[in-house]
Amino acid sequence: MRDRKQETFIFDGLGFPIKLINVPMKKVFGEWAIDINMDKLMLVALEALIHKPVAMTGDELKFIRSYLHMTMAAFGKTFGVSHVAVLKWENEKNRISPPLEICIRLYVWDHLRAKDKEFRALYRELSLTKLSKDQKGKIHPIVIDATTDDLKIAL
């Protein structure tokens, strides 16, 4: 097996595009594949989503729900809506309201056991104005630096 680093790689294995930079690659059965810890990638992607400055897409919400191991009904109940509303968000037939999206992000951050200081910082960082702007058709990919085993959000 030969190893190499790829400067940029678009990974969509979580259901939405993630731009990986400096990603280690391995040749497996004649094909190049990313060589990173997938559990860590999912965790860093989740953190990147809750800090994303614009509204999340349906696929990103679906990833969050799946990461939390919640059914549509359980997810909806947690946020005071029906499973049909969750289905419409995920299929992008209805847009999630910005205040409810902030609640979802804070819920996820709490689930990840953020420290009080980090929790307050996220609360201050989130902007109803930015989340309420219509971003349809615009792709805002998450960028993750895979230079080291300790993946991190690239700013």
Protein backbone atom coordinates (compact mmCIF):
# COMPACT_ATOMS: atom_id res chain seq x y z
CA MET A 1 0.00 0.00 0.00
CA ARG A 2 1.33 3.38 -1.00
CA ASP A 3 0.41 6.49 0.92
CA ARG A 4 0.03 10.08 -0.22
CA LYS A 5 -1.60 13.35 0.78
CA GLN A 6 -4.20 15.02 -1.36
CA GLU A 7 -4.41 18.79 -1.14
CA THR A 8 -8.21 18.88 -1.42
CA PHE A 9 -10.84 16.17 -1.55
CA ILE A 10 -14.63 16.55 -1.58
CA PHE A 11 -16.13 13.85 0.64
CA ASP A 12 -19.88 13.29 0.50
CA GLY A 13 -20.11 10.07 2.49
CA LEU A 14 -22.07 11.76 5.28
CA GLY A 15 -24.81 12.93 2.92
CA PHE A 16 -23.51 16.43 2.25
CA PRO A 17 -20.23 17.75 0.79
CA ILE A 18 -17.27 18.25 3.09
CA LYS A 19 -14.09 19.74 1.67
CA LEU A 20 -11.13 17.94 3.24
CA ILE A 21 -7.73 19.58 2.93
CA ASN A 22 -4.36 17.88 3.32
CA VAL A 23 -6.12 14.52 3.54
CA PRO A 24 -4.04 11.35 3.86
CA MET A 25 -4.87 8.76 1.19
CA LYS A 26 -4.11 5.04 0.88
CA LYS A 27 -4.31 2.84 -2.14
CA VAL A 28 -6.60 -0.07 -1.33
CA PHE A 29 -7.37 -2.73 -3.93
CA GLY A 30 -6.06 -0.39 -6.63
CA GLU A 31 -8.24 2.57 -5.60
CA TRP A 32 -7.28 5.65 -3.60
CA ALA A 33 -9.31 6.09 -0.40
CA ILE A 34 -9.19 8.61 2.41
CA ASP A 35 -7.27 7.36 5.44
CA ILE A 36 -8.85 9.16 8.38
CA ASN A 37 -10.79 8.19 11.48
CA MET A 38 -14.44 8.30 10.40
CA ASP A 39 -15.76 8.68 13.97
CA LYS A 40 -13.57 11.74 14.41
CA LEU A 41 -14.64 13.09 11.00
CA MET A 42 -18.32 12.79 11.97
CA LEU A 43 -17.68 14.54 15.28
CA VAL A 44 -15.76 17.42 13.66
CA ALA A 45 -18.39 17.70 10.90
CA LEU A 46 -21.10 17.90 13.56
CA GLU A 47 -19.21 20.66 15.36
CA ALA A 48 -18.71 22.50 12.06
CA LEU A 49 -22.45 22.31 11.33
CA ILE A 50 -23.42 23.89 14.63
CA HIS A 51 -20.98 26.74 13.99
CA LYS A 52 -21.99 27.19 10.34
CA PRO A 53 -22.83 30.89 9.77
CA VAL A 54 -25.76 30.19 7.41
CA ALA A 55 -28.84 28.00 7.55
CA MET A 56 -28.32 24.26 7.43
CA THR A 57 -29.52 22.16 4.51
CA GLY A 58 -31.95 19.27 4.78
CA ASP A 59 -29.12 16.77 4.33
CA GLU A 60 -27.18 18.40 7.15
CA LEU A 61 -30.22 18.23 9.46
CA LYS A 62 -30.68 14.57 8.50
CA PHE A 63 -27.04 13.89 9.42
CA ILE A 64 -27.56 15.55 12.80
CA ARG A 65 -30.68 13.50 13.49
CA SER A 66 -28.93 10.30 12.42
CA TYR A 67 -25.84 11.12 14.51
CA LEU A 68 -28.09 11.54 17.55
CA HIS A 69 -29.73 8.15 16.72
CA MET A 70 -33.18 9.75 16.72
CA THR A 71 -36.21 8.85 14.64
CA MET A 72 -38.05 11.64 12.88
CA ALA A 73 -40.80 11.34 15.49
CA ALA A 74 -38.36 11.59 18.43
CA PHE A 75 -36.48 14.48 16.81
CA GLY A 76 -39.72 16.31 16.12
CA LYS A 77 -41.01 15.71 19.65
CA THR A 78 -37.78 17.10 21.10
CA PHE A 79 -38.33 20.36 19.21
CA GLY A 80 -42.12 20.55 19.45
CA VAL A 81 -42.97 19.67 15.86
CA SER A 82 -44.38 16.62 14.07
CA HIS A 83 -42.35 13.97 12.27
CA VAL A 84 -43.92 15.34 9.07
CA ALA A 85 -42.28 18.72 9.72
CA VAL A 86 -38.90 16.98 10.16
CA LEU A 87 -39.47 15.07 6.91
CA LYS A 88 -40.22 18.34 5.10
CA TRP A 89 -37.09 19.98 6.52
CA GLU A 90 -34.93 17.06 5.43
CA ASN A 91 -36.49 17.05 1.95
CA GLU A 92 -36.17 20.86 1.86
CA LYS A 93 -39.87 21.32 1.17
CA ASN A 94 -40.15 23.58 4.21
CA ARG A 95 -37.49 25.76 5.72
CA ILE A 96 -36.74 25.46 9.40
CA SER A 97 -37.32 28.70 11.30
CA PRO A 98 -34.09 30.42 12.40
CA PRO A 99 -35.01 30.41 16.13
CA LEU A 100 -35.73 26.68 15.98
CA GLU A 101 -32.48 26.06 14.10
CA ILE A 102 -30.62 27.84 16.89
CA CYS A 103 -32.37 25.56 19.40
CA ILE A 104 -31.26 22.50 17.42
CA ARG A 105 -27.66 23.73 17.30
CA LEU A 106 -27.61 24.44 21.03
CA TYR A 107 -29.19 21.04 21.72
CA VAL A 108 -26.44 19.31 19.73
CA TRP A 109 -23.73 21.36 21.47
CA ASP A 110 -25.22 20.35 24.82
CA HIS A 111 -25.30 16.71 23.65
CA LEU A 112 -21.58 16.97 22.90
CA ARG A 113 -21.06 18.09 26.50
CA ALA A 114 -19.74 21.53 25.68
CA LYS A 115 -18.37 23.48 28.59
CA ASP A 116 -20.43 26.44 29.80
CA LYS A 117 -17.99 28.93 28.28
CA GLU A 118 -18.18 27.18 24.86
CA PHE A 119 -21.97 27.00 25.09
CA ARG A 120 -22.27 30.72 25.77
CA ALA A 121 -19.81 31.50 22.96
CA LEU A 122 -21.92 29.54 20.46
CA TYR A 123 -25.07 31.30 21.65
CA ARG A 124 -23.42 34.69 21.04
CA GLU A 125 -21.99 33.54 17.69
CA LEU A 126 -25.32 32.47 16.15
CA SER A 127 -27.15 35.20 14.28
CA LEU A 128 -30.87 35.14 13.51
CA THR A 129 -30.21 37.67 10.76
CA LYS A 130 -27.71 35.45 8.95
CA LEU A 131 -29.80 32.32 9.42
CA SER A 132 -32.95 34.02 8.12
CA LYS A 133 -31.39 35.13 4.83
CA ASP A 134 -32.49 32.92 1.96
CA GLN A 135 -29.46 30.88 0.93
CA LYS A 136 -31.20 28.56 -1.57
CA GLY A 137 -28.95 27.46 -4.36
CA LYS A 138 -25.80 28.54 -2.55
CA ILE A 139 -23.48 25.84 -1.32
CA HIS A 140 -21.49 26.56 1.79
CA PRO A 141 -19.29 23.50 2.21
CA ILE A 142 -17.75 22.62 5.49
CA VAL A 143 -13.95 22.60 5.32
CA ILE A 144 -11.99 20.25 7.56
CA ASP A 145 -8.21 20.16 7.83
CA ALA A 146 -6.96 16.57 7.94
CA THR A 147 -3.27 17.43 8.27
CA THR A 148 -3.00 15.57 11.57
CA ASP A 149 -4.99 12.75 13.17
CA ASP A 150 -6.68 15.44 15.24
CA LEU A 151 -8.99 16.74 12.51
CA LYS A 152 -10.11 20.33 12.89
CA ILE A 153 -12.43 22.82 11.27
CA ALA A 154 -10.52 24.95 8.77
CA LEU A 155 -11.31 28.63 9.03
